[in-house]
Amino acid sequence: MIRFGIRQSFNTLDQFAPRYQGRQTPLELALPYRMGDYELVGPHLADLADLLLQWQTPILSLHAPQGRLAEPGFQTWAEEVGRFASLLGVHEITIHPSRFQKDRPVHEIQHRVLQICREIEAAYSVSFCLETFMGGKRLFSVDDIMRFERPMTLDVAHLHDTEMVWRIVQHYHPHVFTVHLSGKCGQRTHHLPIDDECLQVVEALVGYGWQGNVIIEYLREYHDRLAEDLQVLRQRFGGATTA
């Protein structure tokens, strides 16, 4: 079953209740993306999980902060996020393959990062899903994600190479746990309202019998379209409406 939802982020504790209390729409909860903001929130994650369960807010997946995976602090915050997901009964956690200078020993660092992920995944019954980006300055390229057979978050808008999108859909969909769905214009403008390519991607995944989360992710100026476009997806493709 495909579960449709929308991304909802917060950056400070003061923003948490207004953005999550009373929500009935299934959400991807995006933790503060700046590490400085996350470090103020991290000590309170257990309390935030209690609130979400009390409010019965439907959380489909998490988006981790955008810390650097190659830095020593990765294990600490990744374990905090894994524990938070476990408290919520959430299994999919999207992480960005952070920017990385390839003059460092990349293969050694990749294997260390993956070992940390595997240990936390086993401890908390979660999956760290590497998000897709174009370009060669990421610790894990799309090809790396597939070579290591890691869980993936397919962000359709990040991949301006349409052939790459369809290669993933056709050949790697069993390892895609979450899809971030939005339109794009050229190589630099992402997270526009869903377009025909987005609908075709979901239609193809439905045809493969794929099960996972489809999360609509828009720029702020298009947030007034989120509810309407979520309803379009549900009406066209069905899918679960709650976590």
Protein backbone atom coordinates (compact mmCIF):
# COMPACT_ATOMS: atom_id res chain seq x y z
CA MET A 1 0.00 0.00 0.00
CA ILE A 2 1.25 3.46 -0.86
CA ARG A 3 0.91 5.99 1.94
CA PHE A 4 0.61 9.62 0.81
CA GLY A 5 1.56 12.55 2.99
CA ILE A 6 3.20 15.96 3.07
CA ARG A 7 6.43 17.25 4.56
CA GLN A 8 6.15 19.33 7.73
CA SER A 9 9.28 20.85 9.22
CA PHE A 10 10.08 22.82 12.37
CA ASN A 11 13.19 24.62 13.54
CA THR A 12 12.51 25.51 17.18
CA LEU A 13 10.61 24.00 20.08
CA ASP A 14 8.19 26.94 20.02
CA GLN A 15 7.12 25.96 16.51
CA PHE A 16 6.39 22.34 17.39
CA ALA A 17 2.85 22.43 18.81
CA PRO A 18 1.45 24.90 16.24
CA ARG A 19 2.72 22.74 13.39
CA TYR A 20 1.84 19.24 14.66
CA GLN A 21 -0.96 19.39 17.23
CA GLY A 22 -4.37 18.60 15.77
CA ARG A 23 -3.03 17.60 12.39
CA GLN A 24 -4.93 14.81 10.65
CA THR A 25 -3.01 14.78 7.38
CA PRO A 26 -0.22 12.16 7.37
CA LEU A 27 3.15 13.86 7.63
CA GLU A 28 6.84 13.43 7.13
CA LEU A 29 8.32 15.08 10.20
CA ALA A 30 11.42 17.02 9.19
CA LEU A 31 13.72 17.74 12.11
CA PRO A 32 15.60 21.08 12.17
CA TYR A 33 18.00 20.95 9.26
CA ARG A 34 20.71 23.20 10.73
CA MET A 35 22.75 21.30 13.28
CA GLY A 36 22.81 24.30 15.61
CA ASP A 37 19.01 24.30 15.73
CA TYR A 38 18.84 20.51 16.01
CA GLU A 39 21.20 20.47 18.98
CA LEU A 40 18.70 22.58 20.93
CA VAL A 41 15.88 20.16 20.04
CA GLY A 42 17.70 16.83 20.35
CA PRO A 43 17.58 16.58 24.18
CA HIS A 44 13.79 16.93 24.03
CA LEU A 45 12.99 14.28 21.40
CA ALA A 46 11.48 11.80 23.88
CA ASP A 47 9.11 14.51 25.16
CA LEU A 48 8.19 15.47 21.60
CA ALA A 49 7.43 11.82 20.81
CA ASP A 50 5.11 11.68 23.84
CA LEU A 51 3.27 14.76 22.57
CA LEU A 52 2.84 13.38 19.05
CA LEU A 53 1.45 10.12 20.43
CA GLN A 54 -0.86 12.03 22.77
CA TRP A 55 -2.09 14.19 19.88
CA GLN A 56 -2.36 11.11 17.62
CA THR A 57 -0.57 13.00 14.88
CA PRO A 58 -0.03 10.61 11.94
CA ILE A 59 3.71 10.51 11.18
CA LEU A 60 4.73 8.44 8.16
CA SER A 61 8.46 9.07 8.13
CA LEU A 62 11.23 11.29 9.46
CA HIS A 63 13.74 13.55 7.79
CA ALA A 64 16.99 13.76 9.73
CA PRO A 65 18.93 16.98 10.28
CA GLN A 66 21.41 17.81 7.57
CA GLY A 67 24.57 17.07 9.49
CA ARG A 68 27.76 15.88 7.82
CA LEU A 69 27.87 12.11 7.76
CA ALA A 70 31.67 12.01 7.64
CA GLU A 71 32.08 13.98 10.89
CA PRO A 72 32.50 12.32 14.32
CA GLY A 73 29.15 13.66 15.58
CA PHE A 74 27.15 11.64 13.05
CA GLN A 75 26.81 8.57 15.24
CA THR A 76 25.45 10.61 18.14
CA TRP A 77 22.68 12.41 16.29
CA ALA A 78 21.84 9.42 14.11
CA GLU A 79 21.23 7.32 17.21
CA GLU A 80 19.07 10.07 18.71
CA VAL A 81 16.97 10.18 15.55
CA GLY A 82 16.75 6.39 15.38
CA ARG A 83 15.50 6.26 18.96
CA PHE A 84 12.96 9.02 18.22
CA ALA A 85 11.64 7.09 15.22
CA SER A 86 11.33 3.95 17.32
CA LEU A 87 9.30 5.78 19.97
CA LEU A 88 6.91 6.92 17.23
CA GLY A 89 6.70 3.51 15.54
CA VAL A 90 8.21 5.04 12.39
CA HIS A 91 10.61 2.96 10.30
CA GLU A 92 11.88 5.22 7.48
CA ILE A 93 14.37 8.02 8.11
CA THR A 94 15.62 10.12 5.20
CA ILE A 95 19.19 11.37 5.44
CA HIS A 96 21.10 13.61 3.03
CA PRO A 97 24.38 12.25 1.64
CA SER A 98 26.20 15.36 2.77
CA ARG A 99 28.70 17.26 0.69
CA PHE A 100 32.17 15.81 0.80
CA GLN A 101 35.62 16.63 -0.53
CA LYS A 102 36.63 13.60 -2.54
CA ASP A 103 40.35 14.12 -1.79
CA ARG A 104 39.66 12.35 1.52
CA PRO A 105 39.58 8.51 1.71
CA VAL A 106 36.00 8.22 0.51
CA HIS A 107 35.65 4.42 0.50
CA GLU A 108 36.84 4.10 4.09
CA ILE A 109 34.45 6.82 5.25
CA GLN A 110 31.53 5.38 3.28
CA HIS A 111 31.98 1.99 4.93
CA ARG A 112 32.26 3.57 8.40
CA VAL A 113 29.06 5.56 7.85
CA LEU A 114 27.21 2.49 6.59
CA GLN A 115 28.37 0.44 9.58
CA ILE A 116 27.00 3.09 11.93
CA CYS A 117 23.71 3.05 10.02
CA ARG A 118 23.44 -0.74 10.19
CA GLU A 119 24.07 -0.81 13.94
CA ILE A 120 21.40 1.81 14.65
CA GLU A 121 18.97 0.19 12.22
CA ALA A 122 19.34 -3.14 14.03
CA ALA A 123 18.93 -1.54 17.45
CA TYR A 124 15.77 0.44 16.63
CA SER A 125 14.16 -1.38 13.68
CA VAL A 126 14.53 1.61 11.38
CA SER A 127 16.01 2.25 7.94
CA PHE A 128 18.22 5.19 7.04
CA CYS A 129 17.25 6.05 3.47
CA LEU A 130 19.84 7.99 1.50
CA GLU A 131 18.25 10.75 -0.56
CA THR A 132 19.06 11.17 -4.24
CA PHE A 133 21.06 14.18 -5.46
CA MET A 134 22.86 14.94 -8.69
CA GLY A 135 26.50 16.02 -8.81
CA GLY A 136 29.75 14.49 -7.69
CA LYS A 137 30.35 16.29 -4.39
CA ARG A 138 28.18 14.07 -2.20
CA LEU A 139 29.49 11.33 0.08
CA PHE A 140 27.10 8.92 -1.67
CA SER A 141 26.14 9.42 -5.30
CA VAL A 142 23.02 7.78 -6.72
CA ASP A 143 25.23 5.06 -8.18
CA ASP A 144 26.87 4.56 -4.77
CA ILE A 145 23.49 4.12 -3.11
CA MET A 146 22.57 1.44 -5.62
CA ARG A 147 26.00 -0.22 -5.50
CA PHE A 148 25.74 -0.61 -1.73
CA GLU A 149 22.07 -1.66 -2.08
CA ARG A 150 21.05 0.88 0.53
CA PRO A 151 17.49 2.00 1.22
CA MET A 152 16.74 5.07 -0.87
CA THR A 153 14.59 8.16 -0.75
CA LEU A 154 13.95 9.00 -4.40
CA ASP A 155 13.61 12.76 -4.73
CA VAL A 156 12.20 13.21 -8.22
CA ALA A 157 12.92 16.94 -8.37
CA HIS A 158 16.57 16.59 -7.37
CA LEU A 159 17.30 14.39 -10.39
CA HIS A 160 17.25 16.57 -13.48
CA ASP A 161 18.45 13.52 -15.45
CA THR A 162 15.10 11.96 -16.38
CA GLU A 163 16.79 8.76 -17.50
CA MET A 164 18.22 8.36 -14.00
CA VAL A 165 14.76 8.73 -12.46
CA TRP A 166 13.39 5.98 -14.67
CA ARG A 167 16.38 3.71 -14.14
CA ILE A 168 15.70 3.87 -10.42
CA VAL A 169 11.96 3.33 -10.85
CA GLN A 170 12.41 0.36 -13.16
CA HIS A 171 15.40 -1.38 -11.61
CA TYR A 172 15.81 -0.20 -8.02
CA HIS A 173 12.24 0.32 -6.79
CA PRO A 174 12.36 -2.56 -4.24
CA HIS A 175 14.97 -0.52 -2.34
CA VAL A 176 13.07 2.78 -2.58
CA PHE A 177 11.28 3.24 0.75
CA THR A 178 10.17 6.87 0.34
CA VAL A 179 9.54 9.14 -2.64
CA HIS A 180 9.78 12.92 -2.30
CA LEU A 181 7.44 14.18 -4.97
CA SER A 182 7.52 17.62 -6.57
CA GLY A 183 8.08 19.27 -9.93
CA LYS A 184 11.19 20.98 -11.22
CA CYS A 185 12.23 23.57 -13.80
CA GLY A 186 15.73 23.13 -15.17
CA GLN A 187 18.59 22.12 -12.91
CA ARG A 188 18.21 24.65 -10.11
CA THR A 189 14.49 25.14 -9.39
CA HIS A 190 13.05 22.26 -7.36
CA HIS A 191 10.01 21.51 -5.23
CA LEU A 192 7.39 23.01 -7.50
CA PRO A 193 3.81 21.60 -7.60
CA ILE A 194 3.56 18.07 -8.97
CA ASP A 195 3.55 17.75 -12.76
CA ASP A 196 2.98 15.02 -15.35
CA GLU A 197 6.36 13.41 -14.67
CA CYS A 198 5.49 13.08 -10.99
CA LEU A 199 2.20 11.39 -11.81
CA GLN A 200 3.92 9.06 -14.26
CA VAL A 201 6.46 8.04 -11.60
CA VAL A 202 3.73 7.18 -9.10
CA GLU A 203 1.75 5.36 -11.78
CA ALA A 204 4.78 3.24 -12.66
CA LEU A 205 5.45 2.41 -9.02
CA VAL A 206 1.82 1.37 -8.59
CA GLY A 207 2.25 -0.88 -11.62
CA TYR A 208 5.20 -2.58 -9.95
CA GLY A 209 3.17 -3.20 -6.81
CA TRP A 210 5.48 -0.90 -4.89
CA GLN A 211 4.76 -0.13 -1.24
CA GLY A 212 6.13 2.90 0.54
CA ASN A 213 5.69 6.58 1.38
CA VAL A 214 5.05 9.32 -1.17
CA ILE A 215 5.70 12.69 0.42
CA ILE A 216 4.80 15.96 -1.32
CA GLU A 217 7.52 18.54 -0.72
CA TYR A 218 6.96 22.10 -1.98
CA LEU A 219 8.63 25.47 -1.68
CA ARG A 220 6.90 27.67 0.89
CA GLU A 221 5.13 29.79 -1.75
CA TYR A 222 3.26 26.70 -2.95
CA HIS A 223 2.17 25.38 0.45
CA ASP A 224 -1.41 26.44 -0.29
CA ARG A 225 -1.44 23.70 -2.95
CA LEU A 226 -0.38 20.84 -0.66
CA ALA A 227 -3.81 19.70 0.55
CA GLU A 228 -5.34 19.93 -2.92
CA ASP A 229 -2.53 18.02 -4.60
CA LEU A 230 -2.50 15.38 -1.87
CA GLN A 231 -6.18 14.79 -2.59
CA VAL A 232 -5.42 14.50 -6.31
CA LEU A 233 -2.92 11.72 -5.60
CA ARG A 234 -5.31 9.88 -3.30
CA GLN A 235 -8.16 10.04 -5.76
CA ARG A 236 -6.02 8.89 -8.67
CA PHE A 237 -3.97 6.19 -6.95
CA GLY A 238 -5.78 5.29 -3.74
CA GLY A 239 -3.43 4.40 -0.90
CA ALA A 240 -3.55 4.55 2.84
CA THR A 241 -4.52 7.84 4.49
CA THR A 242 -3.04 7.26 7.94
CA ALA A 243 0.20 5.96 9.38
